[in-house]
C-alpha atoms as a PDB file:
ATOM      1  CA  MET A   1      52.523 117.640 159.859  1.00  0.00           C
ATOM      2  CA  LYS A   2      52.989 121.346 159.674  1.00  0.00           C
ATOM      3  CA  THR A   3      55.238 122.731 156.726  1.00  0.00           C
ATOM      4  CA  PHE A   4      58.286 124.768 157.124  1.00  0.00           C
ATOM      5  CA  ASP A   5      58.406 127.684 154.564  1.00  0.00           C
ATOM      6  CA  LEU A   6      61.921 127.171 153.473  1.00  0.00           C
ATOM      7  CA  GLU A   7      61.853 130.521 151.774  1.00  0.00           C
ATOM      8  CA  LYS A   8      62.003 132.460 154.790  1.00  0.00           C
ATOM      9  CA  TYR A   9      65.055 130.417 155.672  1.00  0.00           C
ATOM     10  CA  LYS A  10      67.807 130.219 153.320  1.00  0.00           C
ATOM     11  CA  ASP A  11      70.981 131.053 155.163  1.00  0.00           C
ATOM     12  CA  SER A  12      73.253 128.500 156.250  1.00  0.00           C
ATOM     13  CA  TRP A  13      72.498 126.853 159.758  1.00  0.00           C
ATOM     14  CA  LYS A  14      74.867 128.491 162.469  1.00  0.00           C
ATOM     15  CA  SER A  15      74.513 126.593 165.443  1.00  0.00           C
ATOM     16  CA  GLY A  16      73.860 128.967 168.177  1.00  0.00           C
ATOM     17  CA  ALA A  17      71.467 126.892 170.320  1.00  0.00           C
ATOM     18  CA  ASP A  18      72.570 125.398 174.050  1.00  0.00           C
ATOM     19  CA  PHE A  19      72.458 122.106 174.880  1.00  0.00           C
ATOM     20  CA  THR A  20      70.382 122.255 177.821  1.00  0.00           C
ATOM     21  CA  GLY A  21      67.336 120.581 176.169  1.00  0.00           C
ATOM     22  CA  ARG A  22      65.288 123.873 175.220  1.00  0.00           C
ATOM     23  CA  LYS A  23      62.715 123.083 172.235  1.00  0.00           C
ATOM     24  CA  LEU A  24      64.249 124.634 169.194  1.00  0.00           C
ATOM     25  CA  SER A  25      61.730 127.425 167.270  1.00  0.00           C
ATOM     26  CA  GLY A  26      60.431 126.740 163.576  1.00  0.00           C
ATOM     27  CA  ASP A  27      63.591 128.738 161.988  1.00  0.00           C
ATOM     28  CA  GLN A  28      66.528 126.906 164.008  1.00  0.00           C
ATOM     29  CA  ILE A  29      64.860 123.889 163.095  1.00  0.00           C
ATOM     30  CA  ASN A  30      64.401 124.659 158.961  1.00  0.00           C
ATOM     31  CA  ARG A  31      67.850 125.363 159.109  1.00  0.00           C
ATOM     32  CA  TYR A  32      69.565 122.812 160.847  1.00  0.00           C
ATOM     33  CA  LEU A  33      67.430 120.445 158.898  1.00  0.00           C
ATOM     34  CA  MET A  34      68.614 122.143 155.307  1.00  0.00           C
ATOM     35  CA  LYS A  35      72.322 121.919 156.460  1.00  0.00           C
ATOM     36  CA  GLU A  36      71.712 118.051 157.413  1.00  0.00           C
ATOM     37  CA  SER A  37      70.296 117.646 154.024  1.00  0.00           C
ATOM     38  CA  ASN A  38      72.858 119.863 152.303  1.00  0.00           C
ATOM     39  CA  ASP A  39      75.806 117.644 154.547  1.00  0.00           C
ATOM     40  CA  VAL A  40      74.672 114.716 153.588  1.00  0.00           C
ATOM     41  CA  THR A  41      75.541 115.541 149.785  1.00  0.00           C
ATOM     42  CA  ARG A  42      77.997 117.002 150.546  1.00  0.00           C
ATOM     43  CA  VAL A  43      80.082 114.582 152.456  1.00  0.00           C
ATOM     44  CA  PHE A  44      79.031 111.855 150.532  1.00  0.00           C
ATOM     45  CA  LYS A  45      80.159 113.652 146.684  1.00  0.00           C
ATOM     46  CA  ARG A  46      83.596 114.477 148.496  1.00  0.00           C
ATOM     47  CA  ASN A  47      84.365 110.898 149.688  1.00  0.00           C
ATOM     48  CA  VAL A  48      83.313 109.387 145.989  1.00  0.00           C
ATOM     49  CA  PHE A  49      85.392 112.176 144.210  1.00  0.00           C
ATOM     50  CA  PHE A  50      88.452 111.329 146.805  1.00  0.00           C
ATOM     51  CA  ASP A  51      87.829 107.820 146.307  1.00  0.00           C
ATOM     52  CA  VAL A  52      87.598 108.282 142.707  1.00  0.00           C
ATOM     53  CA  PHE A  53      91.191 110.310 142.340  1.00  0.00           C
ATOM     54  CA  LEU A  54      92.379 107.468 144.436  1.00  0.00           C
ATOM     55  CA  LYS A  55      91.884 104.837 141.874  1.00  0.00           C
ATOM     56  CA  SER A  56      92.773 107.300 138.874  1.00  0.00           C
ATOM     57  CA  VAL A  57      96.298 107.456 140.441  1.00  0.00           C
ATOM     58  CA  VAL A  58      96.016 103.845 140.212  1.00  0.00           C
ATOM     59  CA  VAL A  59      95.192 104.246 136.729  1.00  0.00           C
ATOM     60  CA  ILE A  60      98.122 106.112 136.116  1.00  0.00           C
ATOM     61  CA  TYR A  61     100.805 104.344 137.988  1.00  0.00           C
ATOM     62  CA  TRP A  62     100.155 100.981 136.330  1.00  0.00           C
ATOM     63  CA  ILE A  63      99.895 103.127 132.835  1.00  0.00           C
ATOM     64  CA  GLY A  64     103.210 104.433 133.627  1.00  0.00           C
ATOM     65  CA  LEU A  65     104.809 100.983 134.932  1.00  0.00           C
ATOM     66  CA  GLN A  66     103.429  98.909 131.499  1.00  0.00           C
ATOM     67  CA  SER A  67     105.140 102.287 129.340  1.00  0.00           C
ATOM     68  CA  PHE A  68     108.380 102.657 131.343  1.00  0.00           C
ATOM     69  CA  THR A  69     109.065  98.530 132.268  1.00  0.00           C
ATOM     70  CA  SER A  70     109.035  95.239 130.434  1.00  0.00           C
ATOM     71  CA  GLU A  71     109.125  93.523 134.072  1.00  0.00           C
ATOM     72  CA  ILE A  72     105.209  93.738 134.682  1.00  0.00           C
ATOM     73  CA  ASN A  73     102.949  91.305 133.550  1.00  0.00           C
ATOM     74  CA  TRP A  74     100.721  93.011 130.904  1.00  0.00           C
ATOM     75  CA  VAL A  75      97.486  90.774 132.297  1.00  0.00           C
ATOM     76  CA  LEU A  76      98.379  92.172 135.651  1.00  0.00           C
ATOM     77  CA  GLY A  77      98.128  95.663 134.780  1.00  0.00           C
ATOM     78  CA  LEU A  78      95.091  95.043 132.104  1.00  0.00           C
ATOM     79  CA  VAL A  79      93.117  93.946 135.390  1.00  0.00           C
ATOM     80  CA  MET A  80      94.238  96.367 137.741  1.00  0.00           C
ATOM     81  CA  LEU A  81      92.780  99.002 134.894  1.00  0.00           C
ATOM     82  CA  VAL A  82      89.740  97.386 134.581  1.00  0.00           C
ATOM     83  CA  ILE A  83      88.579  96.968 138.043  1.00  0.00           C
ATOM     84  CA  SER A  84      89.780 100.148 138.575  1.00  0.00           C
ATOM     85  CA  ALA A  85      87.726 101.328 135.740  1.00  0.00           C
ATOM     86  CA  ILE A  86      84.904  99.344 136.916  1.00  0.00           C
ATOM     87  CA  GLY A  87      84.843 101.091 140.574  1.00  0.00           C
ATOM     88  CA  MET A  88      84.970 104.574 139.368  1.00  0.00           C
ATOM     89  CA  ALA A  89      82.135 103.985 136.974  1.00  0.00           C
ATOM     90  CA  ILE A  90      80.078 102.503 139.940  1.00  0.00           C
ATOM     91  CA  GLU A  91      80.927 105.762 141.673  1.00  0.00           C
ATOM     92  CA  LEU A  92      80.183 108.301 138.877  1.00  0.00           C
ATOM     93  CA  ARG A  93      77.137 106.814 138.280  1.00  0.00           C
ATOM     94  CA  LEU A  94      75.662 107.083 141.767  1.00  0.00           C
ATOM     95  CA  ILE A  95      76.938 111.063 141.686  1.00  0.00           C
ATOM     96  CA  ARG A  96      74.339 111.388 138.884  1.00  0.00           C
ATOM     97  CA  LYS A  97      71.942 109.588 140.620  1.00  0.00           C
ATOM     98  CA  ILE A  98      71.337 111.952 144.140  1.00  0.00           C
ATOM     99  CA  PRO A  99      68.646 113.432 143.984  1.00  0.00           C
ATOM    100  CA  LEU A 100      68.156 117.229 142.515  1.00  0.00           C
ATOM    101  CA  ILE A 101      65.990 118.552 145.387  1.00  0.00           C
ATOM    102  CA  ASP A 102      63.737 122.321 144.789  1.00  0.00           C
ATOM    103  CA  TYR A 103      63.998 123.149 148.001  1.00  0.00           C
ATOM    104  CA  GLY A 104      61.382 125.758 147.703  1.00  0.00           C
ATOM    105  CA  GLN A 105      58.522 123.243 146.596  1.00  0.00           C
ATOM    106  CA  LYS A 106      59.020 120.153 149.112  1.00  0.00           C
ATOM    107  CA  ASP A 107      58.958 120.100 152.741  1.00  0.00           C
ATOM    108  CA  LEU A 108      62.191 119.174 154.925  1.00  0.00           C
ATOM    109  CA  GLN A 109      60.569 115.963 156.030  1.00  0.00           C
ATOM    110  CA  ASN A 110      60.032 114.932 152.601  1.00  0.00           C
ATOM    111  CA  ILE A 111      63.775 116.046 151.713  1.00  0.00           C
ATOM    112  CA  LEU A 112      65.350 113.820 154.301  1.00  0.00           C
ATOM    113  CA  ALA A 113      63.321 111.091 153.328  1.00  0.00           C
ATOM    114  CA  LEU A 114      64.853 111.204 149.497  1.00  0.00           C
ATOM    115  CA  LYS A 115      68.164 111.790 150.911  1.00  0.00           C
ATOM    116  CA  THR A 116      67.612 108.350 153.158  1.00  0.00           C
ATOM    117  CA  ASN A 117      65.985 106.819 150.674  1.00  0.00           C
ATOM    118  CA  PHE A 118      69.322 107.740 148.238  1.00  0.00           C
ATOM    119  CA  LEU A 119      71.829 106.420 151.074  1.00  0.00           C
ATOM    120  CA  ARG A 120      69.660 103.123 151.251  1.00  0.00           C
ATOM    121  CA  THR A 121      69.626 102.493 147.772  1.00  0.00           C
ATOM    122  CA  SER A 122      73.685 103.440 147.189  1.00  0.00           C
ATOM    123  CA  LEU A 123      74.856 101.161 150.123  1.00  0.00           C
ATOM    124  CA  TYR A 124      75.645  97.966 148.635  1.00  0.00           C
ATOM    125  CA  PRO A 125      77.179  99.527 145.483  1.00  0.00           C
ATOM    126  CA  ILE A 126      79.298 102.177 146.995  1.00  0.00           C
ATOM    127  CA  ALA A 127      80.251  99.729 149.751  1.00  0.00           C
ATOM    128  CA  PHE A 128      81.553  97.770 146.838  1.00  0.00           C
ATOM    129  CA  ALA A 129      83.230  99.940 144.974  1.00  0.00           C
ATOM    130  CA  LYS A 130      84.847 101.633 147.189  1.00  0.00           C
ATOM    131  CA  GLY A 131      86.143  98.432 148.551  1.00  0.00           C
ATOM    132  CA  LEU A 132      87.914  97.925 145.621  1.00  0.00           C
ATOM    133  CA  THR A 133      90.431 101.002 146.590  1.00  0.00           C
ATOM    134  CA  ALA A 134      92.314  98.848 149.350  1.00  0.00           C
ATOM    135  CA  PRO A 135      93.192  95.842 147.225  1.00  0.00           C
ATOM    136  CA  LEU A 136      94.372  98.217 144.239  1.00  0.00           C
ATOM    137  CA  LEU A 137      96.193 100.132 146.555  1.00  0.00           C
ATOM    138  CA  ILE A 138      98.080  97.331 148.493  1.00  0.00           C
ATOM    139  CA  ILE A 139      98.815  95.252 145.245  1.00  0.00           C
ATOM    140  CA  SER A 140     100.165  98.959 143.456  1.00  0.00           C
ATOM    141  CA  GLY A 141     102.329  99.045 146.484  1.00  0.00           C
ATOM    142  CA  MET A 142     103.700  95.466 146.635  1.00  0.00           C
ATOM    143  CA  THR A 143     104.080  95.754 142.755  1.00  0.00           C
ATOM    144  CA  GLY A 144     106.316  98.887 143.568  1.00  0.00           C
ATOM    145  CA  TRP A 145     108.138  97.546 146.452  1.00  0.00           C
ATOM    146  CA  PHE A 146     109.596  94.388 144.676  1.00  0.00           C
ATOM    147  CA  LEU A 147     110.407  96.882 141.542  1.00  0.00           C
ATOM    148  CA  GLN A 148     112.546  98.828 144.352  1.00  0.00           C
ATOM    149  CA  LYS A 149     113.934  95.755 146.167  1.00  0.00           C
ATOM    150  CA  TYR A 150     114.280  93.050 143.470  1.00  0.00           C
ATOM    151  CA  GLU A 151     113.998  95.246 140.022  1.00  0.00           C
ATOM    152  CA  THR A 152     111.447  92.348 138.773  1.00  0.00           C
ATOM    153  CA  VAL A 153     108.630  91.199 140.095  1.00  0.00           C
ATOM    154  CA  ARG A 154     109.511  88.235 141.409  1.00  0.00           C
ATOM    155  CA  PRO A 155     107.675  84.941 140.995  1.00  0.00           C
ATOM    156  CA  LEU A 156     105.018  84.188 143.898  1.00  0.00           C
ATOM    157  CA  ASP A 157     105.403  80.721 145.703  1.00  0.00           C
ATOM    158  CA  VAL A 158     102.124  79.342 147.196  1.00  0.00           C
ATOM    159  CA  GLU A 159     102.938  80.679 150.510  1.00  0.00           C
ATOM    160  CA  ASP A 160     103.538  84.188 149.341  1.00  0.00           C
ATOM    161  CA  PHE A 161      99.962  83.573 147.277  1.00  0.00           C
ATOM    162  CA  VAL A 162      98.286  82.896 150.287  1.00  0.00           C
ATOM    163  CA  VAL A 163     100.098  85.904 152.809  1.00  0.00           C
ATOM    164  CA  PHE A 164      99.410  88.600 149.843  1.00  0.00           C
ATOM    165  CA  GLY A 165      95.998  87.204 148.849  1.00  0.00           C
ATOM    166  CA  ALA A 166      95.207  87.727 152.782  1.00  0.00           C
ATOM    167  CA  PHE A 167      96.027  91.031 152.962  1.00  0.00           C
ATOM    168  CA  VAL A 168      93.877  91.851 149.780  1.00  0.00           C
ATOM    169  CA  LEU A 169      91.605  89.810 150.763  1.00  0.00           C
ATOM    170  CA  ILE A 170      91.542  91.663 154.267  1.00  0.00           C
ATOM    171  CA  GLY A 171      92.028  95.277 153.051  1.00  0.00           C
ATOM    172  CA  PHE A 172      88.845  94.678 150.668  1.00  0.00           C
ATOM    173  CA  ILE A 173      86.697  93.368 153.600  1.00  0.00           C
ATOM    174  CA  LEU A 174      87.941  96.376 155.814  1.00  0.00           C
ATOM    175  CA  ASN A 175      87.265  99.197 153.144  1.00  0.00           C
ATOM    176  CA  ALA A 176      84.055  97.834 152.135  1.00  0.00           C
ATOM    177  CA  THR A 177      82.855  97.621 156.020  1.00  0.00           C
ATOM    178  CA  VAL A 178      84.248 100.845 157.085  1.00  0.00           C
ATOM    179  CA  GLU A 179      82.292 102.418 154.385  1.00  0.00           C
ATOM    180  CA  PHE A 180      78.893 100.482 154.660  1.00  0.00           C
ATOM    181  CA  LYS A 181      79.012 101.169 158.283  1.00  0.00           C
ATOM    182  CA  GLN A 182      79.398 105.085 157.709  1.00  0.00           C
ATOM    183  CA  GLN A 183      76.693 104.929 155.460  1.00  0.00           C
ATOM    184  CA  ILE A 184      74.594 102.883 157.820  1.00  0.00           C
ATOM    185  CA  PHE A 185      75.201 105.624 160.798  1.00  0.00           C
ATOM    186  CA  GLN A 186      74.638 108.714 158.183  1.00  0.00           C
ATOM    187  CA  ILE A 187      71.296 106.669 157.477  1.00  0.00           C
ATOM    188  CA  ASN A 188      70.698 106.270 161.402  1.00  0.00           C
ATOM    189  CA  GLN A 189      71.445 110.155 161.908  1.00  0.00           C
ATOM    190  CA  LEU A 190      68.924 110.837 159.295  1.00  0.00           C
ATOM    191  CA  GLU A 191      65.942 108.865 160.603  1.00  0.00           C
ATOM    192  CA  ALA A 192      66.623 109.493 163.734  1.00  0.00           C
ATOM    193  CA  THR A 193      65.837 113.416 162.729  1.00  0.00           C
ATOM    194  CA  GLN A 194      63.001 112.815 161.002  1.00  0.00           C
ATOM    195  CA  ASN A 195      61.461 110.442 164.177  1.00  0.00           C
ATOM    196  CA  GLU A 196      62.355 113.450 166.357  1.00  0.00           C
ATOM    197  CA  LEU A 197      60.874 115.764 163.650  1.00  0.00           C
ATOM    198  CA  LYS A 198      57.322 113.951 163.658  1.00  0.00           C
ATOM    199  CA  THR A 199      57.092 115.148 167.404  1.00  0.00           C
ATOM    200  CA  GLU A 200      57.416 118.630 166.080  1.00  0.00           C
ATOM    201  CA  ALA A 201      59.926 119.500 169.247  1.00  0.00           C
ATOM    202  CA  LEU A 202      63.233 118.954 168.147  1.00  0.00           C
ATOM    203  CA  LYS A 203      65.450 120.206 170.790  1.00  0.00           C
ATOM    204  CA  SER A 204      69.146 121.555 171.416  1.00  0.00           C
ATOM    205  CA  SER A 205      69.913 118.471 173.148  1.00  0.00           C
ATOM    206  CA  PHE A 206      69.111 116.127 170.485  1.00  0.00           C
ATOM    207  CA  LEU A 207      71.437 118.315 168.114  1.00  0.00           C
ATOM    208  CA  ALA A 208      74.297 118.241 170.791  1.00  0.00           C
ATOM    209  CA  LYS A 209      73.716 114.440 170.616  1.00  0.00           C
ATOM    210  CA  GLN A 210      73.896 113.816 167.079  1.00  0.00           C
ATOM    211  CA  LYS A 211      77.220 116.265 167.123  1.00  0.00           C
ATOM    212  CA  HIS A 212      78.871 114.100 169.439  1.00  0.00           C
ATOM    213  CA  LEU A 213      78.305 111.032 167.901  1.00  0.00           C
ATOM    214  CA  ARG A 214      79.705 112.691 164.350  1.00  0.00           C
ATOM    215  CA  TRP A 215      82.996 113.197 166.265  1.00  0.00           C
ATOM    216  CA  ARG A 216      83.306 110.013 167.452  1.00  0.00           C
ATOM    217  CA  ARG A 217      82.431 108.561 164.485  1.00  0.00           C
ATOM    218  CA  PHE A 218      85.400 110.683 162.924  1.00  0.00           C
ATOM    219  CA  TRP A 219      88.167 109.311 165.688  1.00  0.00           C
ATOM    220  CA  MET A 220      87.297 105.892 164.996  1.00  0.00           C
ATOM    221  CA  LEU A 221      87.839 106.554 161.230  1.00  0.00           C
ATOM    222  CA  LEU A 222      90.989 108.208 161.675  1.00  0.00           C
ATOM    223  CA  MET A 223      91.867 105.254 163.931  1.00  0.00           C
ATOM    224  CA  ALA A 224      90.821 102.836 161.527  1.00  0.00           C
ATOM    225  CA  LEU A 225      92.790 104.790 158.582  1.00  0.00           C
ATOM    226  CA  VAL A 226      96.193 104.805 160.940  1.00  0.00           C
ATOM    227  CA  CYS A 227      95.502 101.384 161.564  1.00  0.00           C
ATOM    228  CA  GLY A 228      95.479 100.351 157.663  1.00  0.00           C
ATOM    229  CA  LEU A 229      97.958 102.325 156.723  1.00  0.00           C
ATOM    230  CA  PHE A 230     100.465 100.592 159.443  1.00  0.00           C
ATOM    231  CA  LEU A 231      99.564  97.186 158.439  1.00  0.00           C
ATOM    232  CA  LEU A 232     100.279  98.158 154.685  1.00  0.00           C
ATOM    233  CA  GLY A 233     103.784  99.573 156.088  1.00  0.00           C
ATOM    234  CA  TRP A 234     104.430  96.112 158.121  1.00  0.00           C
ATOM    235  CA  LEU A 235     103.343  94.529 154.877  1.00  0.00           C
ATOM    236  CA  LEU A 236     105.490  95.931 152.639  1.00  0.00           C
ATOM    237  CA  PHE A 237     108.884  96.568 154.434  1.00  0.00           C
ATOM    238  CA  ASN A 238     108.437  92.957 157.045  1.00  0.00           C
END
């Protein structure tokens, strides 16, 4: 397959192609694929750093609780800190494993293959690490609610353990599944681009389809987030 000269196309992709299915030129393909590759890295980093931020908030919250109130069992606080630390360690380790790409020496097909392989190898670790965030937030929220309402964390009976345990487990499963599906979606898009590129006939209609799928995915994730927040609010205030 033809290797494109990337040095000629360092500008960011600004889609000006129509969506009628016409074949894209070599420079349009190069700019689109460079943007596709850069977007994968940027989105992955942004999502991971946001999740690390949430876990950092949990760490600060529990350190504050342990410092300013004696109503919190220190074992629970320690468990929350350890789980947060494990999740952040996994995520930061994955950030360091993102392949460094020399765009001047590798063709775009290889670049996309490297990014796809990275997403595949990080699929389960990142889903597990991000899955931990929901239980951390749920437990932190419930603890704060107990302190505000009862000024102490009252002992939980069997029914409480079952209900709260179910919410914590569901939170983990939902969060991990959403992240897993999101990464699979990115992998499928990269592979679809590579397969389309093999024909050396990447068309504007393909770009339109990819853009549509991204927007649809965005709205699905937004709806999932809203439902998750609503569920958490219902748990805390009922």
